C-alpha atoms as a PDB file:
ATOM      1  CA  UNK A   1      -4.005   5.643  -3.155  1.00  0.00           C
ATOM      2  CA  UNK A   2      -0.863   3.550  -3.308  1.00  0.00           C
ATOM      3  CA  UNK A   3      -1.361   2.861  -7.018  1.00  0.00           C
ATOM      4  CA  UNK A   4      -0.513   6.446  -7.976  1.00  0.00           C
ATOM      5  CA  UNK A   5       2.760   6.215  -6.058  1.00  0.00           C
ATOM      6  CA  UNK A   6       3.700   2.930  -7.745  1.00  0.00           C
ATOM      7  CA  UNK A   7       2.942   4.062 -11.302  1.00  0.00           C
ATOM      8  CA  UNK A   8       4.614   7.438 -10.720  1.00  0.00           C
ATOM      9  CA  UNK A   9       7.815   5.787  -9.491  1.00  0.00           C
ATOM     10  CA  UNK A  10       7.861   3.520 -12.556  1.00  0.00           C
ATOM     11  CA  UNK A  11       7.181   6.503 -14.817  1.00  0.00           C
ATOM     12  CA  UNK A  12       9.936   8.671 -13.338  1.00  0.00           C
ATOM     13  CA  UNK A  13      12.480   5.827 -13.440  1.00  0.00           C
ATOM     14  CA  UNK A  14      11.638   5.009 -17.057  1.00  0.00           C
ATOM     15  CA  UNK A  15      11.766   8.711 -17.951  1.00  0.00           C
ATOM     16  CA  UNK A  16      15.337   8.906 -16.651  1.00  0.00           C
ATOM     17  CA  UNK A  17      16.232   5.642 -18.394  1.00  0.00           C
ATOM     18  CA  UNK A  18      14.845   6.969 -21.677  1.00  0.00           C
ATOM     19  CA  UNK A  19      16.791  10.189 -21.290  1.00  0.00           C
ATOM     20  CA  UNK A  20      19.977   8.272 -20.454  1.00  0.00           C
ATOM     21  CA  UNK A  21      19.410   5.976 -23.437  1.00  0.00           C
ATOM     22  CA  UNK A  22      18.982   9.040 -25.656  1.00  0.00           C
ATOM     23  CA  UNK A  23      22.203  10.518 -24.325  1.00  0.00           C
ATOM     24  CA  UNK A  24      24.245   7.322 -24.610  1.00  0.00           C
ATOM     25  CA  UNK A  25      22.813   5.977 -27.863  1.00  0.00           C
ATOM     26  CA  UNK A  26      21.954   9.142 -29.767  1.00  0.00           C
ATOM     27  CA  UNK A  27      21.546   7.503 -33.171  1.00  0.00           C
ATOM     28  CA  UNK A  28      19.260   4.689 -31.935  1.00  0.00           C
ATOM     29  CA  UNK A  29      17.208   7.114 -29.841  1.00  0.00           C
ATOM     30  CA  UNK A  30      16.842   9.474 -32.798  1.00  0.00           C
ATOM     31  CA  UNK A  31      15.683   6.574 -34.979  1.00  0.00           C
ATOM     32  CA  UNK A  32      13.162   5.515 -32.322  1.00  0.00           C
ATOM     33  CA  UNK A  33      11.771   9.033 -31.957  1.00  0.00           C
ATOM     34  CA  UNK A  34      11.633   9.654 -35.712  1.00  0.00           C
ATOM     35  CA  UNK A  35       9.953   6.297 -36.308  1.00  0.00           C
ATOM     36  CA  UNK A  36       7.370   7.024 -33.626  1.00  0.00           C
ATOM     37  CA  UNK A  37       6.546  10.492 -34.939  1.00  0.00           C
ATOM     38  CA  UNK A  38       6.575   9.461 -38.593  1.00  0.00           C
ATOM     39  CA  UNK A  39       3.674   7.108 -37.935  1.00  0.00           C
ATOM     40  CA  UNK A  40       1.548  10.187 -37.153  1.00  0.00           C
ATOM     41  CA  UNK A  41       2.606  12.388 -40.091  1.00  0.00           C
ATOM     42  CA  UNK A  42      -0.740  11.891 -41.830  1.00  0.00           C
ATOM     43  CA  UNK A  43      -2.376  14.008 -39.123  1.00  0.00           C
ATOM     44  CA  UNK A  44      -0.558  17.185 -40.289  1.00  0.00           C
ATOM     45  CA  UNK A  45      -2.868  17.425 -43.296  1.00  0.00           C
ATOM     46  CA  UNK A  46      -6.011  17.458 -41.172  1.00  0.00           C
ATOM     47  CA  UNK A  47      -8.084  20.370 -39.959  1.00  0.00           C
ATOM     48  CA  UNK A  48      -7.553  21.351 -36.322  1.00  0.00           C
ATOM     49  CA  UNK A  49     -10.806  19.902 -35.003  1.00  0.00           C
ATOM     50  CA  UNK A  50      -9.952  16.511 -36.551  1.00  0.00           C
ATOM     51  CA  UNK A  51      -6.495  16.613 -34.982  1.00  0.00           C
ATOM     52  CA  UNK A  52      -8.100  17.432 -31.626  1.00  0.00           C
ATOM     53  CA  UNK A  53     -10.515  14.502 -31.932  1.00  0.00           C
ATOM     54  CA  UNK A  54      -7.723  12.157 -33.027  1.00  0.00           C
ATOM     55  CA  UNK A  55      -5.459  13.132 -30.123  1.00  0.00           C
ATOM     56  CA  UNK A  56      -8.327  12.853 -27.655  1.00  0.00           C
ATOM     57  CA  UNK A  57      -9.517   9.486 -28.994  1.00  0.00           C
ATOM     58  CA  UNK A  58      -5.974   8.098 -29.102  1.00  0.00           C
ATOM     59  CA  UNK A  59      -5.049   9.186 -25.579  1.00  0.00           C
ATOM     60  CA  UNK A  60      -8.403   8.395 -23.970  1.00  0.00           C
ATOM     61  CA  UNK A  61      -8.608   4.958 -25.587  1.00  0.00           C
ATOM     62  CA  UNK A  62      -5.095   4.004 -24.526  1.00  0.00           C
ATOM     63  CA  UNK A  63      -5.517   5.342 -20.984  1.00  0.00           C
ATOM     64  CA  UNK A  64      -8.873   3.576 -20.612  1.00  0.00           C
ATOM     65  CA  UNK A  65      -7.511   0.308 -22.036  1.00  0.00           C
ATOM     66  CA  UNK A  66      -4.497   0.429 -19.702  1.00  0.00           C
ATOM     67  CA  UNK A  67      -6.886   0.922 -16.798  1.00  0.00           C
ATOM     68  CA  UNK A  68      -9.250  -1.928 -17.696  1.00  0.00           C
ATOM     69  CA  UNK A  69      -6.441  -4.295 -18.654  1.00  0.00           C
ATOM     70  CA  UNK A  70      -4.979  -3.669 -15.221  1.00  0.00           C
ATOM     71  CA  UNK A  71      -7.304  -6.427 -14.071  1.00  0.00           C
ATOM     72  CA  UNK A  72      -4.572  -8.828 -15.154  1.00  0.00           C
ATOM     73  CA  UNK A  73      -2.440  -8.325 -12.039  1.00  0.00           C
ATOM     74  CA  UNK A  74      -1.775  -4.657 -12.802  1.00  0.00           C
ATOM     75  CA  UNK A  75       0.909  -5.550 -15.344  1.00  0.00           C
ATOM     76  CA  UNK A  76      -0.447  -3.675 -18.393  1.00  0.00           C
ATOM     77  CA  UNK A  77      -0.692  -0.263 -16.675  1.00  0.00           C
ATOM     78  CA  UNK A  78       2.876  -0.616 -15.421  1.00  0.00           C
ATOM     79  CA  UNK A  79       4.140  -1.583 -18.889  1.00  0.00           C
ATOM     80  CA  UNK A  80       2.183   1.289 -20.433  1.00  0.00           C
ATOM     81  CA  UNK A  81       3.712   3.786 -18.008  1.00  0.00           C
ATOM     82  CA  UNK A  82       7.230   2.396 -18.473  1.00  0.00           C
ATOM     83  CA  UNK A  83       7.036   2.448 -22.276  1.00  0.00           C
ATOM     84  CA  UNK A  84       5.616   5.971 -22.330  1.00  0.00           C
ATOM     85  CA  UNK A  85       8.120   7.242 -19.773  1.00  0.00           C
ATOM     86  CA  UNK A  86      11.015   5.752 -21.714  1.00  0.00           C
ATOM     87  CA  UNK A  87       9.773   7.248 -24.987  1.00  0.00           C
ATOM     88  CA  UNK A  88       9.228  10.680 -23.419  1.00  0.00           C
ATOM     89  CA  UNK A  89      12.752  10.542 -21.976  1.00  0.00           C
ATOM     90  CA  UNK A  90      14.121   9.736 -25.441  1.00  0.00           C
ATOM     91  CA  UNK A  91      12.086  12.545 -27.009  1.00  0.00           C
ATOM     92  CA  UNK A  92      13.370  15.065 -24.461  1.00  0.00           C
ATOM     93  CA  UNK A  93      16.945  13.918 -25.059  1.00  0.00           C
ATOM     94  CA  UNK A  94      16.723  13.909 -28.867  1.00  0.00           C
ATOM     95  CA  UNK A  95      14.688  17.109 -29.277  1.00  0.00           C
ATOM     96  CA  UNK A  96      16.730  18.853 -26.604  1.00  0.00           C
ATOM     97  CA  UNK A  97      19.935  18.189 -28.525  1.00  0.00           C
ATOM     98  CA  UNK A  98      18.480  18.869 -31.974  1.00  0.00           C
ATOM     99  CA  UNK A  99      16.339  21.936 -31.266  1.00  0.00           C
ATOM    100  CA  UNK A 100      17.255  23.074 -27.787  1.00  0.00           C
ATOM    101  CA  UNK A 101      15.279  22.528 -24.636  1.00  0.00           C
ATOM    102  CA  UNK A 102      12.875  25.337 -25.531  1.00  0.00           C
ATOM    103  CA  UNK A 103      11.009  22.788 -27.647  1.00  0.00           C
ATOM    104  CA  UNK A 104      10.493  20.709 -24.515  1.00  0.00           C
ATOM    105  CA  UNK A 105       9.049  23.765 -22.776  1.00  0.00           C
ATOM    106  CA  UNK A 106       6.650  24.279 -25.693  1.00  0.00           C
ATOM    107  CA  UNK A 107       5.328  20.738 -25.246  1.00  0.00           C
ATOM    108  CA  UNK A 108       5.071  21.064 -21.484  1.00  0.00           C
ATOM    109  CA  UNK A 109       1.636  22.779 -21.217  1.00  0.00           C
ATOM    110  CA  UNK A 110      -0.327  19.828 -22.578  1.00  0.00           C
ATOM    111  CA  UNK A 111       1.946  17.338 -20.808  1.00  0.00           C
ATOM    112  CA  UNK A 112       1.128  18.894 -17.444  1.00  0.00           C
ATOM    113  CA  UNK A 113      -2.396  17.563 -17.874  1.00  0.00           C
ATOM    114  CA  UNK A 114      -1.870  14.548 -20.120  1.00  0.00           C
ATOM    115  CA  UNK A 115       0.803  12.783 -18.075  1.00  0.00           C
ATOM    116  CA  UNK A 116      -1.052  12.975 -14.725  1.00  0.00           C
ATOM    117  CA  UNK A 117      -4.270  11.851 -16.460  1.00  0.00           C
ATOM    118  CA  UNK A 118      -2.500   8.782 -17.825  1.00  0.00           C
ATOM    119  CA  UNK A 119      -0.811   8.094 -14.483  1.00  0.00           C
ATOM    120  CA  UNK A 120      -4.147   8.324 -12.662  1.00  0.00           C
ATOM    121  CA  UNK A 121      -5.773   5.954 -15.175  1.00  0.00           C
ATOM    122  CA  UNK A 122      -2.917   3.506 -14.791  1.00  0.00           C
ATOM    123  CA  UNK A 123      -3.127   3.793 -11.004  1.00  0.00           C
ATOM    124  CA  UNK A 124      -6.798   2.785 -11.197  1.00  0.00           C
ATOM    125  CA  UNK A 125      -5.757  -0.165 -13.367  1.00  0.00           C
ATOM    126  CA  UNK A 126      -2.993  -1.157 -10.969  1.00  0.00           C
ATOM    127  CA  UNK A 127      -5.490  -1.115  -8.094  1.00  0.00           C
ATOM    128  CA  UNK A 128      -7.847  -3.314 -10.135  1.00  0.00           C
ATOM    129  CA  UNK A 129      -4.976  -5.758 -10.581  1.00  0.00           C
ATOM    130  CA  UNK A 130      -4.409  -5.884  -6.824  1.00  0.00           C
ATOM    131  CA  UNK A 131      -8.115  -6.587  -6.256  1.00  0.00           C
ATOM    132  CA  UNK A 132      -8.044  -9.315  -8.907  1.00  0.00           C
ATOM    133  CA  UNK A 133      -5.078 -10.928  -7.155  1.00  0.00           C
ATOM    134  CA  UNK A 134      -6.901 -10.755  -3.805  1.00  0.00           C
ATOM    135  CA  UNK A 135      -9.979 -12.347  -5.366  1.00  0.00           C
ATOM    136  CA  UNK A 136      -7.830 -15.220  -6.673  1.00  0.00           C
ATOM    137  CA  UNK A 137      -6.492 -15.722  -3.153  1.00  0.00           C
ATOM    138  CA  UNK A 138     -10.070 -16.132  -1.880  1.00  0.00           C
ATOM    139  CA  UNK A 139     -10.175 -12.746  -0.232  1.00  0.00           C
ATOM    140  CA  UNK A 140     -13.300 -10.709  -0.531  1.00  0.00           C
ATOM    141  CA  UNK A 141     -13.039  -8.392  -3.494  1.00  0.00           C
ATOM    142  CA  UNK A 142     -16.006  -7.027  -5.386  1.00  0.00           C
ATOM    143  CA  UNK A 143     -14.467  -6.731  -8.840  1.00  0.00           C
ATOM    144  CA  UNK A 144     -17.688  -5.649 -10.524  1.00  0.00           C
ATOM    145  CA  UNK A 145     -18.043  -2.713  -8.154  1.00  0.00           C
ATOM    146  CA  UNK A 146     -14.337  -1.860  -8.502  1.00  0.00           C
ATOM    147  CA  UNK A 147     -14.471  -1.851 -12.317  1.00  0.00           C
ATOM    148  CA  UNK A 148     -17.611   0.281 -12.404  1.00  0.00           C
ATOM    149  CA  UNK A 149     -16.131   2.627  -9.804  1.00  0.00           C
ATOM    150  CA  UNK A 150     -12.903   2.939 -11.833  1.00  0.00           C
ATOM    151  CA  UNK A 151     -14.849   3.721 -14.986  1.00  0.00           C
ATOM    152  CA  UNK A 152     -16.841   6.419 -13.161  1.00  0.00           C
ATOM    153  CA  UNK A 153     -13.637   7.900 -11.727  1.00  0.00           C
ATOM    154  CA  UNK A 154     -12.039   7.795 -15.207  1.00  0.00           C
ATOM    155  CA  UNK A 155     -14.962   9.769 -16.615  1.00  0.00           C
ATOM    156  CA  UNK A 156     -14.735  12.357 -13.814  1.00  0.00           C
ATOM    157  CA  UNK A 157     -10.971  12.940 -13.566  1.00  0.00           C
ATOM    158  CA  UNK A 158      -8.645  11.611 -16.308  1.00  0.00           C
ATOM    159  CA  UNK A 159     -11.031  12.056 -19.242  1.00  0.00           C
ATOM    160  CA  UNK A 160     -11.667  15.796 -18.642  1.00  0.00           C
ATOM    161  CA  UNK A 161      -7.917  16.269 -18.167  1.00  0.00           C
ATOM    162  CA  UNK A 162      -7.281  14.508 -21.481  1.00  0.00           C
ATOM    163  CA  UNK A 163      -9.882  16.686 -23.201  1.00  0.00           C
ATOM    164  CA  UNK A 164      -8.152  19.863 -22.031  1.00  0.00           C
ATOM    165  CA  UNK A 165      -4.695  18.419 -22.850  1.00  0.00           C
ATOM    166  CA  UNK A 166      -5.823  17.568 -26.403  1.00  0.00           C
ATOM    167  CA  UNK A 167      -7.218  21.080 -26.781  1.00  0.00           C
ATOM    168  CA  UNK A 168      -3.945  22.623 -25.595  1.00  0.00           C
ATOM    169  CA  UNK A 169      -1.875  20.327 -27.817  1.00  0.00           C
ATOM    170  CA  UNK A 170      -4.020  21.129 -30.859  1.00  0.00           C
ATOM    171  CA  UNK A 171      -4.676  24.834 -30.480  1.00  0.00           C
ATOM    172  CA  UNK A 172      -2.099  26.315 -28.081  1.00  0.00           C
ATOM    173  CA  UNK A 173       1.133  24.363 -28.653  1.00  0.00           C
ATOM    174  CA  UNK A 174       1.257  25.390 -32.351  1.00  0.00           C
ATOM    175  CA  UNK A 175       1.106  29.034 -31.210  1.00  0.00           C
ATOM    176  CA  UNK A 176       3.977  28.524 -28.747  1.00  0.00           C
ATOM    177  CA  UNK A 177       6.300  26.572 -31.072  1.00  0.00           C
ATOM    178  CA  UNK A 178       7.230  29.488 -33.369  1.00  0.00           C
ATOM    179  CA  UNK A 179       8.110  31.583 -30.321  1.00  0.00           C
ATOM    180  CA  UNK A 180      10.535  28.934 -29.063  1.00  0.00           C
ATOM    181  CA  UNK A 181      12.393  28.128 -32.289  1.00  0.00           C
END
């Protein structure tokens, strides 16, 4: 699947760019990270199961939307991956300097599942965009079948990964954080 290669390359490049931005423009990167995380502060008051459901719904909805919106030439999945990669790079840079890179290691367990799940979803979306382009060029492309197939694949692979990642982020990461600090 060439889509996974394309979205992974964009993700890795944007990750490095985000990290470089965080290193070169520490104040701006810190503001960006703090602004991003402050928009989710309300979640801290919730019970764990609500946090789990929120994280799962947020990640699954965004990954699914990026996949479906890939029909528009595969642009949205690429933008989604680039923005997320850049932000993660900034977070690693900012948190690494502020709290040490142990904090990054504490966040790694859920990221091992969440990031590939998002990349796979975006790869499906990118492939849908290629099919849409082919259809516009009068090539045979069964978009209905491709969309339904992508949805089925999303339900079988990325969604279960996102469920486990949300569980780890909600119930395991808070146990690891005190050990790292």
